[in-house]
Amino acid sequence: MSTSTGASTAADFDVRRHDSFGLRLQHALHANPVLGPLAVLILAIIAFSIVNTRFFAAANLSLVLLQVTVIATLALGQTMIILTAGIDLSAGAIAVFSSILMAQFCVKAGMPAVLALLLGFACGTAMGALNGMLVTRIKLPPFIVTLGTLTIFFSLNSVVSNSETVRGTDMPSLMTWTGEAIAIGNFQLSYGSIIMLLLFGFFFYALSRTAWGKHVYATGDDVEAARLAGIRTGRVLFSVYTVAGLLYAVGGWILIGRLASASPNVGTEYNLDSITAVVLGGTSLFGGRGGVIGTLIGALIVGVFRNGLQLAGVEVVWQGFAIGTLVLVAVSLDQWIRKVKG
């Protein structure tokens, strides 16, 4: 009988030890959402460098960063919206439409490049503000609002561009400047990537060190509690969508440099890609938890997986399968983390 009791005690100890590790992990990931994505990125880099030694070549790493620059910029704006428990399905549409407007201002209207660029940024900001107004004033769900404006902006994009691509050679050099690069040894760092990294640094500070950033998190965590605490949640939400529109327009400028043209026929996958980067980066779809550093890591995860699988000879369809599986795992992990107590 004493043997049975001893075995039971040992089993209980093992269960408590297992639960203790699970709880510690749950609390750690809740307190530091970036840890999970960072671990995935490091493991992916190690795995793909073993599968193909070309992965760590400077030229290939330059390509990975270049490929994720536009998506990361859009995902930055998407992050702030998702932090408020919203979502923006029009991110790619605003970016592409803004790029077309910039090109048309230069080529068709004959405006100076700086003026065309500023007007393009203003148009992107206005599109984001429209989303914000419909969400805050008309009280429409963000999903429905941005689903509608997605279609509207892509339709206007086709009308304004007449479905024609504007070549980079027809535009002033400032419009395609973001596609130029500086050499760091064999590594090529584009000006678009530098702009993207600077934006991430700025908004990391804004979200973590300013009253506006704290209000964004509070609104996403519990909008009613934030309102009762004196936060003007309507203004916060409007500002988030407006700032996101500006970031999408900057992404449109970077896109022109990336393609060396302004094409109305790109960007259909940018909306989902930006959301994917945010989710993989550990930002909760329910709002109030996450950050821009995680989003940058999430965008890099997407780029590393696609590039690594391509080097490994995996077909495109299975690359999409792998990214989709990662998203499901990330959302499931988020649900588990949200159950943490105290």
C-alpha atoms as a PDB file:
ATOM      1  CA  MET A   1       0.000   0.000   0.000  1.00  0.00           C
ATOM      2  CA  SER A   2       2.861   2.312   0.766  1.00  0.00           C
ATOM      3  CA  THR A   3       4.302   1.509  -2.687  1.00  0.00           C
ATOM      4  CA  SER A   4       1.049   2.607  -4.336  1.00  0.00           C
ATOM      5  CA  THR A   5       1.028   5.840  -2.340  1.00  0.00           C
ATOM      6  CA  GLY A   6       4.643   6.550  -3.316  1.00  0.00           C
ATOM      7  CA  ALA A   7       3.877   6.001  -7.008  1.00  0.00           C
ATOM      8  CA  SER A   8       0.879   8.312  -6.761  1.00  0.00           C
ATOM      9  CA  THR A   9       2.955  11.022  -5.105  1.00  0.00           C
ATOM     10  CA  ALA A  10       5.627  10.760  -7.821  1.00  0.00           C
ATOM     11  CA  ALA A  11       2.976  11.015 -10.524  1.00  0.00           C
ATOM     12  CA  ASP A  12       1.428  14.087  -8.877  1.00  0.00           C
ATOM     13  CA  PHE A  13       4.879  15.672  -8.680  1.00  0.00           C
ATOM     14  CA  ASP A  14       5.428  15.082 -12.407  1.00  0.00           C
ATOM     15  CA  VAL A  15       2.049  16.641 -13.221  1.00  0.00           C
ATOM     16  CA  ARG A  16       2.755  19.680 -11.022  1.00  0.00           C
ATOM     17  CA  ARG A  17       6.199  20.061 -12.569  1.00  0.00           C
ATOM     18  CA  HIS A  18       4.685  19.879 -16.071  1.00  0.00           C
ATOM     19  CA  ASP A  19       1.946  22.376 -15.174  1.00  0.00           C
ATOM     20  CA  SER A  20       4.486  24.664 -13.575  1.00  0.00           C
ATOM     21  CA  PHE A  21       6.590  24.753 -16.752  1.00  0.00           C
ATOM     22  CA  GLY A  22       3.492  25.351 -18.889  1.00  0.00           C
ATOM     23  CA  LEU A  23       2.350  28.193 -16.650  1.00  0.00           C
ATOM     24  CA  ARG A  24       5.804  29.775 -16.616  1.00  0.00           C
ATOM     25  CA  LEU A  25       5.933  29.609 -20.407  1.00  0.00           C
ATOM     26  CA  GLN A  26       2.421  31.031 -20.657  1.00  0.00           C
ATOM     27  CA  HIS A  27       3.284  33.951 -18.358  1.00  0.00           C
ATOM     28  CA  ALA A  28       6.583  34.588 -20.162  1.00  0.00           C
ATOM     29  CA  LEU A  29       4.907  34.757 -23.572  1.00  0.00           C
ATOM     30  CA  HIS A  30       2.125  36.939 -22.173  1.00  0.00           C
ATOM     31  CA  ALA A  31       4.636  39.391 -20.728  1.00  0.00           C
ATOM     32  CA  ASN A  32       6.951  39.267 -23.789  1.00  0.00           C
ATOM     33  CA  PRO A  33       4.913  38.522 -26.955  1.00  0.00           C
ATOM     34  CA  VAL A  34       8.039  38.904 -29.094  1.00  0.00           C
ATOM     35  CA  LEU A  35       9.766  35.804 -27.637  1.00  0.00           C
ATOM     36  CA  GLY A  36       7.724  33.257 -29.584  1.00  0.00           C
ATOM     37  CA  PRO A  37       8.151  34.879 -33.029  1.00  0.00           C
ATOM     38  CA  LEU A  38      11.854  35.477 -32.347  1.00  0.00           C
ATOM     39  CA  ALA A  39      12.369  31.803 -31.531  1.00  0.00           C
ATOM     40  CA  VAL A  40      10.546  30.792 -34.737  1.00  0.00           C
ATOM     41  CA  LEU A  41      12.675  33.187 -36.820  1.00  0.00           C
ATOM     42  CA  ILE A  42      15.956  31.916 -35.337  1.00  0.00           C
ATOM     43  CA  LEU A  43      14.988  28.263 -35.809  1.00  0.00           C
ATOM     44  CA  ALA A  44      13.874  28.927 -39.388  1.00  0.00           C
ATOM     45  CA  ILE A  45      17.156  30.682 -40.225  1.00  0.00           C
ATOM     46  CA  ILE A  46      19.191  27.805 -38.750  1.00  0.00           C
ATOM     47  CA  ALA A  47      17.102  25.162 -40.537  1.00  0.00           C
ATOM     48  CA  PHE A  48      17.205  26.812 -43.963  1.00  0.00           C
ATOM     49  CA  SER A  49      20.928  27.557 -43.710  1.00  0.00           C
ATOM     50  CA  ILE A  50      21.486  23.839 -43.099  1.00  0.00           C
ATOM     51  CA  VAL A  51      19.214  22.819 -45.994  1.00  0.00           C
ATOM     52  CA  ASN A  52      20.928  25.187 -48.437  1.00  0.00           C
ATOM     53  CA  THR A  53      24.213  26.958 -47.733  1.00  0.00           C
ATOM     54  CA  ARG A  54      23.283  29.697 -50.207  1.00  0.00           C
ATOM     55  CA  PHE A  55      20.674  30.960 -47.753  1.00  0.00           C
ATOM     56  CA  PHE A  56      23.291  32.835 -45.714  1.00  0.00           C
ATOM     57  CA  ALA A  57      24.876  34.453 -48.770  1.00  0.00           C
ATOM     58  CA  ALA A  58      24.852  38.253 -48.527  1.00  0.00           C
ATOM     59  CA  ALA A  59      23.038  38.558 -51.852  1.00  0.00           C
ATOM     60  CA  ASN A  60      20.263  36.247 -50.659  1.00  0.00           C
ATOM     61  CA  LEU A  61      19.866  38.008 -47.307  1.00  0.00           C
ATOM     62  CA  SER A  62      19.665  41.325 -49.181  1.00  0.00           C
ATOM     63  CA  LEU A  63      16.901  39.843 -51.314  1.00  0.00           C
ATOM     64  CA  VAL A  64      14.940  38.641 -48.266  1.00  0.00           C
ATOM     65  CA  LEU A  65      15.006  42.107 -46.687  1.00  0.00           C
ATOM     66  CA  LEU A  66      14.105  43.762 -49.977  1.00  0.00           C
ATOM     67  CA  GLN A  67      11.149  41.412 -50.463  1.00  0.00           C
ATOM     68  CA  VAL A  68       9.672  42.081 -47.022  1.00  0.00           C
ATOM     69  CA  THR A  69      10.168  45.865 -46.987  1.00  0.00           C
ATOM     70  CA  VAL A  70       6.818  46.820 -48.523  1.00  0.00           C
ATOM     71  CA  ILE A  71       4.842  44.239 -46.534  1.00  0.00           C
ATOM     72  CA  ALA A  72       6.588  45.251 -43.306  1.00  0.00           C
ATOM     73  CA  THR A  73       5.700  48.916 -43.890  1.00  0.00           C
ATOM     74  CA  LEU A  74       2.045  48.046 -44.482  1.00  0.00           C
ATOM     75  CA  ALA A  75       2.098  45.694 -41.491  1.00  0.00           C
ATOM     76  CA  LEU A  76       3.321  48.572 -39.311  1.00  0.00           C
ATOM     77  CA  GLY A  77       0.096  50.461 -39.980  1.00  0.00           C
ATOM     78  CA  GLN A  78      -1.894  47.252 -39.648  1.00  0.00           C
ATOM     79  CA  THR A  79      -0.321  46.629 -36.221  1.00  0.00           C
ATOM     80  CA  MET A  80      -1.705  49.810 -34.719  1.00  0.00           C
ATOM     81  CA  ILE A  81      -5.184  49.038 -36.013  1.00  0.00           C
ATOM     82  CA  ILE A  82      -5.099  45.453 -34.721  1.00  0.00           C
ATOM     83  CA  LEU A  83      -3.824  46.732 -31.360  1.00  0.00           C
ATOM     84  CA  THR A  84      -7.174  48.545 -31.076  1.00  0.00           C
ATOM     85  CA  ALA A  85      -8.998  45.251 -31.844  1.00  0.00           C
ATOM     86  CA  GLY A  86      -9.721  46.368 -35.416  1.00  0.00           C
ATOM     87  CA  ILE A  87      -8.548  45.153 -38.803  1.00  0.00           C
ATOM     88  CA  ASP A  88      -7.807  46.800 -42.149  1.00  0.00           C
ATOM     89  CA  LEU A  89      -8.465  44.868 -45.334  1.00  0.00           C
ATOM     90  CA  SER A  90      -7.754  47.937 -47.486  1.00  0.00           C
ATOM     91  CA  ALA A  91      -4.044  48.312 -46.650  1.00  0.00           C
ATOM     92  CA  GLY A  92      -2.782  47.009 -49.991  1.00  0.00           C
ATOM     93  CA  ALA A  93      -5.426  48.903 -51.948  1.00  0.00           C
ATOM     94  CA  ILE A  94      -4.447  52.216 -50.337  1.00  0.00           C
ATOM     95  CA  ALA A  95      -0.748  51.560 -50.971  1.00  0.00           C
ATOM     96  CA  VAL A  96      -1.224  50.699 -54.648  1.00  0.00           C
ATOM     97  CA  PHE A  97      -3.702  53.520 -55.282  1.00  0.00           C
ATOM     98  CA  SER A  98      -1.352  56.001 -53.586  1.00  0.00           C
ATOM     99  CA  SER A  99       1.526  54.835 -55.792  1.00  0.00           C
ATOM    100  CA  ILE A 100      -0.607  55.300 -58.907  1.00  0.00           C
ATOM    101  CA  LEU A 101      -1.677  58.780 -57.807  1.00  0.00           C
ATOM    102  CA  MET A 102       1.948  59.801 -57.177  1.00  0.00           C
ATOM    103  CA  ALA A 103       2.957  58.571 -60.622  1.00  0.00           C
ATOM    104  CA  GLN A 104       0.003  60.267 -62.317  1.00  0.00           C
ATOM    105  CA  PHE A 105       0.691  63.557 -60.536  1.00  0.00           C
ATOM    106  CA  CYS A 106       4.225  63.470 -61.956  1.00  0.00           C
ATOM    107  CA  VAL A 107       3.628  62.129 -65.443  1.00  0.00           C
ATOM    108  CA  LYS A 108       0.135  63.319 -66.380  1.00  0.00           C
ATOM    109  CA  ALA A 109      -0.157  66.482 -64.276  1.00  0.00           C
ATOM    110  CA  GLY A 110       3.512  67.454 -64.656  1.00  0.00           C
ATOM    111  CA  MET A 111       3.980  68.237 -60.971  1.00  0.00           C
ATOM    112  CA  PRO A 112       7.413  68.423 -59.337  1.00  0.00           C
ATOM    113  CA  ALA A 113       8.379  65.140 -57.702  1.00  0.00           C
ATOM    114  CA  VAL A 114       8.320  66.508 -54.141  1.00  0.00           C
ATOM    115  CA  LEU A 115       4.825  67.959 -54.576  1.00  0.00           C
ATOM    116  CA  ALA A 116       3.549  64.764 -56.196  1.00  0.00           C
ATOM    117  CA  LEU A 117       5.012  62.725 -53.349  1.00  0.00           C
ATOM    118  CA  LEU A 118       3.432  64.922 -50.670  1.00  0.00           C
ATOM    119  CA  LEU A 119       0.064  64.870 -52.417  1.00  0.00           C
ATOM    120  CA  GLY A 120       0.288  61.086 -52.658  1.00  0.00           C
ATOM    121  CA  PHE A 121       0.953  60.901 -48.914  1.00  0.00           C
ATOM    122  CA  ALA A 122      -1.991  63.243 -48.300  1.00  0.00           C
ATOM    123  CA  CYS A 123      -4.291  61.063 -50.408  1.00  0.00           C
ATOM    124  CA  GLY A 124      -3.235  57.915 -48.556  1.00  0.00           C
ATOM    125  CA  THR A 125      -3.810  59.695 -45.245  1.00  0.00           C
ATOM    126  CA  ALA A 126      -7.268  60.804 -46.422  1.00  0.00           C
ATOM    127  CA  MET A 127      -8.164  57.230 -47.376  1.00  0.00           C
ATOM    128  CA  GLY A 128      -7.138  56.042 -43.932  1.00  0.00           C
ATOM    129  CA  ALA A 129      -9.128  58.906 -42.367  1.00  0.00           C
ATOM    130  CA  LEU A 130     -12.186  57.803 -44.339  1.00  0.00           C
ATOM    131  CA  ASN A 131     -11.884  54.346 -42.798  1.00  0.00           C
ATOM    132  CA  GLY A 132     -11.487  55.925 -39.368  1.00  0.00           C
ATOM    133  CA  MET A 133     -14.507  58.178 -39.817  1.00  0.00           C
ATOM    134  CA  LEU A 134     -16.752  55.307 -40.875  1.00  0.00           C
ATOM    135  CA  VAL A 135     -15.593  53.253 -37.876  1.00  0.00           C
ATOM    136  CA  THR A 136     -15.861  56.029 -35.267  1.00  0.00           C
ATOM    137  CA  ARG A 137     -18.683  58.259 -36.526  1.00  0.00           C
ATOM    138  CA  ILE A 138     -20.971  55.827 -38.339  1.00  0.00           C
ATOM    139  CA  LYS A 139     -20.041  53.032 -35.899  1.00  0.00           C
ATOM    140  CA  LEU A 140     -19.564  50.424 -38.626  1.00  0.00           C
ATOM    141  CA  PRO A 141     -17.452  47.317 -37.902  1.00  0.00           C
ATOM    142  CA  PRO A 142     -13.842  47.724 -39.131  1.00  0.00           C
ATOM    143  CA  PHE A 143     -14.062  44.476 -41.113  1.00  0.00           C
ATOM    144  CA  ILE A 144     -17.086  45.695 -43.100  1.00  0.00           C
ATOM    145  CA  VAL A 145     -15.716  49.213 -43.553  1.00  0.00           C
ATOM    146  CA  THR A 146     -12.340  48.141 -44.905  1.00  0.00           C
ATOM    147  CA  LEU A 147     -13.848  45.354 -46.997  1.00  0.00           C
ATOM    148  CA  GLY A 148     -15.949  48.019 -48.713  1.00  0.00           C
ATOM    149  CA  THR A 149     -13.138  50.539 -49.137  1.00  0.00           C
ATOM    150  CA  LEU A 150     -10.875  47.755 -50.416  1.00  0.00           C
ATOM    151  CA  THR A 151     -13.183  47.345 -53.398  1.00  0.00           C
ATOM    152  CA  ILE A 152     -13.679  51.093 -53.800  1.00  0.00           C
ATOM    153  CA  PHE A 153      -9.973  51.959 -53.819  1.00  0.00           C
ATOM    154  CA  PHE A 154      -9.028  49.137 -56.174  1.00  0.00           C
ATOM    155  CA  SER A 155     -11.821  50.230 -58.542  1.00  0.00           C
ATOM    156  CA  LEU A 156     -10.703  53.865 -58.447  1.00  0.00           C
ATOM    157  CA  ASN A 157      -7.158  52.654 -58.976  1.00  0.00           C
ATOM    158  CA  SER A 158      -8.178  51.003 -62.250  1.00  0.00           C
ATOM    159  CA  VAL A 159     -10.117  54.076 -63.370  1.00  0.00           C
ATOM    160  CA  VAL A 160      -7.355  56.594 -62.628  1.00  0.00           C
ATOM    161  CA  SER A 161      -4.592  54.446 -64.128  1.00  0.00           C
ATOM    162  CA  ASN A 162      -6.700  53.182 -67.016  1.00  0.00           C
ATOM    163  CA  SER A 163      -5.138  49.825 -66.028  1.00  0.00           C
ATOM    164  CA  GLU A 164      -1.807  51.008 -67.443  1.00  0.00           C
ATOM    165  CA  THR A 165       1.586  50.796 -65.754  1.00  0.00           C
ATOM    166  CA  VAL A 166       3.684  53.965 -65.444  1.00  0.00           C
ATOM    167  CA  ARG A 167       7.330  53.164 -66.096  1.00  0.00           C
ATOM    168  CA  GLY A 168      10.009  54.344 -63.725  1.00  0.00           C
ATOM    169  CA  THR A 169      11.936  55.937 -66.599  1.00  0.00           C
ATOM    170  CA  ASP A 170       8.982  58.272 -67.189  1.00  0.00           C
ATOM    171  CA  MET A 171       9.016  59.488 -63.573  1.00  0.00           C
ATOM    172  CA  PRO A 172      11.475  61.760 -61.740  1.00  0.00           C
ATOM    173  CA  SER A 173      14.285  59.917 -59.993  1.00  0.00           C
ATOM    174  CA  LEU A 174      12.873  60.789 -56.555  1.00  0.00           C
ATOM    175  CA  MET A 175       9.908  58.502 -57.198  1.00  0.00           C
ATOM    176  CA  THR A 176      12.121  55.450 -57.747  1.00  0.00           C
ATOM    177  CA  TRP A 177      14.852  56.484 -55.264  1.00  0.00           C
ATOM    178  CA  THR A 178      13.590  54.019 -52.637  1.00  0.00           C
ATOM    179  CA  GLY A 179      14.675  51.163 -54.877  1.00  0.00           C
ATOM    180  CA  GLU A 180      18.306  52.276 -54.942  1.00  0.00           C
ATOM    181  CA  ALA A 181      20.715  50.629 -52.518  1.00  0.00           C
ATOM    182  CA  ILE A 182      23.923  51.217 -50.649  1.00  0.00           C
ATOM    183  CA  ALA A 183      26.538  48.472 -50.433  1.00  0.00           C
ATOM    184  CA  ILE A 184      27.718  47.161 -47.075  1.00  0.00           C
ATOM    185  CA  GLY A 185      30.310  44.696 -48.237  1.00  0.00           C
ATOM    186  CA  ASN A 186      28.361  42.263 -50.401  1.00  0.00           C
ATOM    187  CA  PHE A 187      25.113  43.163 -48.642  1.00  0.00           C
ATOM    188  CA  GLN A 188      22.795  45.596 -50.441  1.00  0.00           C
ATOM    189  CA  LEU A 189      20.571  47.787 -48.265  1.00  0.00           C
ATOM    190  CA  SER A 190      17.918  49.717 -50.176  1.00  0.00           C
ATOM    191  CA  TYR A 191      16.814  53.187 -49.157  1.00  0.00           C
ATOM    192  CA  GLY A 192      13.287  51.822 -48.931  1.00  0.00           C
ATOM    193  CA  SER A 193      14.454  49.331 -46.298  1.00  0.00           C
ATOM    194  CA  ILE A 194      16.185  52.114 -44.372  1.00  0.00           C
ATOM    195  CA  ILE A 195      12.967  54.163 -44.389  1.00  0.00           C
ATOM    196  CA  MET A 196      11.023  51.115 -43.207  1.00  0.00           C
ATOM    197  CA  LEU A 197      13.429  50.471 -40.303  1.00  0.00           C
ATOM    198  CA  LEU A 198      13.351  54.134 -39.271  1.00  0.00           C
ATOM    199  CA  LEU A 199       9.546  54.049 -39.236  1.00  0.00           C
ATOM    200  CA  PHE A 200       9.597  50.971 -37.017  1.00  0.00           C
ATOM    201  CA  GLY A 201      11.985  52.726 -34.637  1.00  0.00           C
ATOM    202  CA  PHE A 202       9.802  55.834 -34.497  1.00  0.00           C
ATOM    203  CA  PHE A 203       6.566  53.956 -33.832  1.00  0.00           C
ATOM    204  CA  PHE A 204       8.232  51.679 -31.299  1.00  0.00           C
ATOM    205  CA  TYR A 205       9.000  54.833 -29.341  1.00  0.00           C
ATOM    206  CA  ALA A 206       5.543  56.327 -29.977  1.00  0.00           C
ATOM    207  CA  LEU A 207       3.691  53.236 -28.763  1.00  0.00           C
ATOM    208  CA  SER A 208       5.892  52.518 -25.768  1.00  0.00           C
ATOM    209  CA  ARG A 209       6.848  55.982 -24.523  1.00  0.00           C
ATOM    210  CA  THR A 210       4.020  58.395 -25.351  1.00  0.00           C
ATOM    211  CA  ALA A 211       0.541  58.991 -23.944  1.00  0.00           C
ATOM    212  CA  TRP A 212      -0.902  58.317 -27.396  1.00  0.00           C
ATOM    213  CA  GLY A 213       0.683  54.868 -27.447  1.00  0.00           C
ATOM    214  CA  LYS A 214      -0.665  54.040 -23.998  1.00  0.00           C
ATOM    215  CA  HIS A 215      -4.125  55.146 -25.114  1.00  0.00           C
ATOM    216  CA  VAL A 216      -3.894  52.862 -28.170  1.00  0.00           C
ATOM    217  CA  TYR A 217      -3.152  49.862 -25.958  1.00  0.00           C
ATOM    218  CA  ALA A 218      -5.834  50.806 -23.434  1.00  0.00           C
ATOM    219  CA  THR A 219      -8.457  51.214 -26.151  1.00  0.00           C
ATOM    220  CA  GLY A 220      -7.626  47.829 -27.629  1.00  0.00           C
ATOM    221  CA  ASP A 221      -7.561  46.085 -24.255  1.00  0.00           C
ATOM    222  CA  ASP A 222     -10.993  47.335 -23.117  1.00  0.00           C
ATOM    223  CA  VAL A 223     -12.590  50.216 -24.996  1.00  0.00           C
ATOM    224  CA  GLU A 224     -15.300  50.811 -22.393  1.00  0.00           C
ATOM    225  CA  ALA A 225     -12.842  50.836 -19.489  1.00  0.00           C
ATOM    226  CA  ALA A 226     -10.616  53.213 -21.450  1.00  0.00           C
ATOM    227  CA  ARG A 227     -13.563  55.545 -22.069  1.00  0.00           C
ATOM    228  CA  LEU A 228     -14.503  55.535 -18.383  1.00  0.00           C
ATOM    229  CA  ALA A 229     -10.870  56.345 -17.550  1.00  0.00           C
ATOM    230  CA  GLY A 230     -11.188  59.554 -19.572  1.00  0.00           C
ATOM    231  CA  ILE A 231      -9.553  58.412 -22.806  1.00  0.00           C
ATOM    232  CA  ARG A 232     -11.266  59.784 -25.909  1.00  0.00           C
ATOM    233  CA  THR A 233     -11.434  56.431 -27.614  1.00  0.00           C
ATOM    234  CA  GLY A 234     -13.101  57.785 -30.751  1.00  0.00           C
ATOM    235  CA  ARG A 235     -10.194  60.146 -31.366  1.00  0.00           C
ATOM    236  CA  VAL A 236      -7.693  57.386 -30.682  1.00  0.00           C
ATOM    237  CA  LEU A 237      -9.329  55.067 -33.206  1.00  0.00           C
ATOM    238  CA  PHE A 238      -9.609  57.838 -35.810  1.00  0.00           C
ATOM    239  CA  SER A 239      -5.944  58.761 -35.358  1.00  0.00           C
ATOM    240  CA  VAL A 240      -4.859  55.129 -35.703  1.00  0.00           C
ATOM    241  CA  TYR A 241      -6.648  54.631 -39.038  1.00  0.00           C
ATOM    242  CA  THR A 242      -5.411  58.002 -40.306  1.00  0.00           C
ATOM    243  CA  VAL A 243      -1.779  57.311 -39.393  1.00  0.00           C
ATOM    244  CA  ALA A 244      -2.094  53.850 -40.931  1.00  0.00           C
ATOM    245  CA  GLY A 245      -3.250  55.465 -44.196  1.00  0.00           C
ATOM    246  CA  LEU A 246      -0.114  57.617 -44.234  1.00  0.00           C
ATOM    247  CA  LEU A 247       2.079  54.555 -43.640  1.00  0.00           C
ATOM    248  CA  TYR A 248       0.341  52.711 -46.490  1.00  0.00           C
ATOM    249  CA  ALA A 249       1.097  55.664 -48.779  1.00  0.00           C
ATOM    250  CA  VAL A 250       4.769  55.539 -47.755  1.00  0.00           C
ATOM    251  CA  GLY A 251       4.583  51.826 -48.564  1.00  0.00           C
ATOM    252  CA  GLY A 252       3.258  52.813 -51.995  1.00  0.00           C
ATOM    253  CA  TRP A 253       6.304  55.016 -52.568  1.00  0.00           C
ATOM    254  CA  ILE A 254       8.607  52.177 -51.530  1.00  0.00           C
ATOM    255  CA  LEU A 255       6.652  49.897 -53.884  1.00  0.00           C
ATOM    256  CA  ILE A 256       7.404  52.196 -56.832  1.00  0.00           C
ATOM    257  CA  GLY A 257      11.117  51.885 -56.096  1.00  0.00           C
ATOM    258  CA  ARG A 258      10.826  48.128 -55.607  1.00  0.00           C
ATOM    259  CA  LEU A 259       9.164  47.613 -59.014  1.00  0.00           C
ATOM    260  CA  ALA A 260      10.812  50.574 -60.797  1.00  0.00           C
ATOM    261  CA  SER A 261       7.273  51.384 -61.939  1.00  0.00           C
ATOM    262  CA  ALA A 262       3.781  52.178 -60.681  1.00  0.00           C
ATOM    263  CA  SER A 263       1.531  49.268 -61.570  1.00  0.00           C
ATOM    264  CA  PRO A 264      -2.212  49.025 -60.863  1.00  0.00           C
ATOM    265  CA  ASN A 265      -2.050  45.245 -61.211  1.00  0.00           C
ATOM    266  CA  VAL A 266      -0.164  44.408 -58.018  1.00  0.00           C
ATOM    267  CA  GLY A 267      -1.028  44.288 -54.347  1.00  0.00           C
ATOM    268  CA  THR A 268      -3.974  41.908 -54.269  1.00  0.00           C
ATOM    269  CA  GLU A 269      -2.136  39.761 -51.714  1.00  0.00           C
ATOM    270  CA  TYR A 270      -0.730  42.647 -49.660  1.00  0.00           C
ATOM    271  CA  ASN A 271      -3.773  42.907 -47.382  1.00  0.00           C
ATOM    272  CA  LEU A 272      -3.541  39.339 -46.133  1.00  0.00           C
ATOM    273  CA  ASP A 273       0.270  39.410 -46.087  1.00  0.00           C
ATOM    274  CA  SER A 274       0.268  42.439 -43.794  1.00  0.00           C
ATOM    275  CA  ILE A 275      -2.193  40.761 -41.417  1.00  0.00           C
ATOM    276  CA  THR A 276      -0.112  37.572 -41.533  1.00  0.00           C
ATOM    277  CA  ALA A 277       3.026  39.473 -40.496  1.00  0.00           C
ATOM    278  CA  VAL A 278       1.188  41.084 -37.574  1.00  0.00           C
ATOM    279  CA  VAL A 279      -0.296  37.795 -36.357  1.00  0.00           C
ATOM    280  CA  LEU A 280       2.995  35.910 -36.676  1.00  0.00           C
ATOM    281  CA  GLY A 281       4.646  38.761 -34.767  1.00  0.00           C
ATOM    282  CA  GLY A 282       2.573  38.008 -31.680  1.00  0.00           C
ATOM    283  CA  THR A 283       0.084  40.881 -31.794  1.00  0.00           C
ATOM    284  CA  SER A 284      -3.293  39.677 -30.545  1.00  0.00           C
ATOM    285  CA  LEU A 285      -6.232  39.923 -32.947  1.00  0.00           C
ATOM    286  CA  PHE A 286      -8.321  40.768 -29.882  1.00  0.00           C
ATOM    287  CA  GLY A 287      -6.306  43.949 -29.268  1.00  0.00           C
ATOM    288  CA  GLY A 288      -4.280  45.379 -26.426  1.00  0.00           C
ATOM    289  CA  ARG A 289      -1.229  43.116 -26.666  1.00  0.00           C
ATOM    290  CA  GLY A 290       1.721  43.039 -29.044  1.00  0.00           C
ATOM    291  CA  GLY A 291       4.055  45.541 -30.655  1.00  0.00           C
ATOM    292  CA  VAL A 292       5.855  46.705 -33.754  1.00  0.00           C
ATOM    293  CA  ILE A 293       9.079  44.791 -33.098  1.00  0.00           C
ATOM    294  CA  GLY A 294       7.109  41.570 -33.213  1.00  0.00           C
ATOM    295  CA  THR A 295       5.541  42.693 -36.490  1.00  0.00           C
ATOM    296  CA  LEU A 296       8.975  43.270 -38.033  1.00  0.00           C
ATOM    297  CA  ILE A 297       9.986  39.780 -36.916  1.00  0.00           C
ATOM    298  CA  GLY A 298       6.716  38.407 -38.306  1.00  0.00           C
ATOM    299  CA  ALA A 299       7.387  39.985 -41.706  1.00  0.00           C
ATOM    300  CA  LEU A 300      10.896  38.508 -41.661  1.00  0.00           C
ATOM    301  CA  ILE A 301       9.451  35.089 -40.800  1.00  0.00           C
ATOM    302  CA  VAL A 302       7.260  35.235 -43.910  1.00  0.00           C
ATOM    303  CA  GLY A 303      10.218  36.343 -46.054  1.00  0.00           C
ATOM    304  CA  VAL A 304      12.592  33.746 -44.607  1.00  0.00           C
ATOM    305  CA  PHE A 305      10.108  30.897 -45.022  1.00  0.00           C
ATOM    306  CA  ARG A 306       9.261  31.785 -48.620  1.00  0.00           C
ATOM    307  CA  ASN A 307      12.885  32.300 -49.581  1.00  0.00           C
ATOM    308  CA  GLY A 308      14.130  29.232 -47.701  1.00  0.00           C
ATOM    309  CA  LEU A 309      11.437  26.955 -49.117  1.00  0.00           C
ATOM    310  CA  GLN A 310      12.149  28.275 -52.606  1.00  0.00           C
ATOM    311  CA  LEU A 311      15.853  27.518 -52.231  1.00  0.00           C
ATOM    312  CA  ALA A 312      14.884  24.060 -50.985  1.00  0.00           C
ATOM    313  CA  GLY A 313      12.942  23.481 -54.214  1.00  0.00           C
ATOM    314  CA  VAL A 314       9.496  23.482 -52.581  1.00  0.00           C
ATOM    315  CA  GLU A 315       6.642  24.392 -54.945  1.00  0.00           C
ATOM    316  CA  VAL A 316       4.851  27.729 -54.463  1.00  0.00           C
ATOM    317  CA  VAL A 317       1.589  26.071 -53.421  1.00  0.00           C
ATOM    318  CA  TRP A 318       3.340  24.341 -50.508  1.00  0.00           C
ATOM    319  CA  GLN A 319       5.024  27.592 -49.526  1.00  0.00           C
ATOM    320  CA  GLY A 320       1.559  29.059 -49.055  1.00  0.00           C
ATOM    321  CA  PHE A 321       0.536  25.954 -47.133  1.00  0.00           C
ATOM    322  CA  ALA A 322       3.459  26.441 -44.729  1.00  0.00           C
ATOM    323  CA  ILE A 323       2.647  30.134 -44.134  1.00  0.00           C
ATOM    324  CA  GLY A 324      -1.029  29.332 -43.574  1.00  0.00           C
ATOM    325  CA  THR A 325      -0.117  26.647 -41.050  1.00  0.00           C
ATOM    326  CA  LEU A 326       2.095  29.121 -39.213  1.00  0.00           C
ATOM    327  CA  VAL A 327      -0.793  31.588 -38.992  1.00  0.00           C
ATOM    328  CA  LEU A 328      -3.120  28.961 -37.503  1.00  0.00           C
ATOM    329  CA  VAL A 329      -0.464  27.982 -34.958  1.00  0.00           C
ATOM    330  CA  ALA A 330       0.129  31.649 -34.072  1.00  0.00           C
ATOM    331  CA  VAL A 331      -3.582  32.339 -33.521  1.00  0.00           C
ATOM    332  CA  SER A 332      -3.960  29.164 -31.449  1.00  0.00           C
ATOM    333  CA  LEU A 333      -0.957  30.189 -29.363  1.00  0.00           C
ATOM    334  CA  ASP A 334      -2.482  33.646 -28.875  1.00  0.00           C
ATOM    335  CA  GLN A 335      -5.716  32.087 -27.596  1.00  0.00           C
ATOM    336  CA  TRP A 336      -3.715  30.000 -25.110  1.00  0.00           C
ATOM    337  CA  ILE A 337      -1.647  32.972 -23.950  1.00  0.00           C
ATOM    338  CA  ARG A 338      -4.763  35.099 -23.383  1.00  0.00           C
ATOM    339  CA  LYS A 339      -5.962  32.587 -20.771  1.00  0.00           C
ATOM    340  CA  VAL A 340      -3.106  33.512 -18.439  1.00  0.00           C
ATOM    341  CA  LYS A 341      -4.216  34.487 -14.943  1.00  0.00           C
ATOM    342  CA  GLY A 342      -2.857  37.506 -13.136  1.00  0.00           C
END
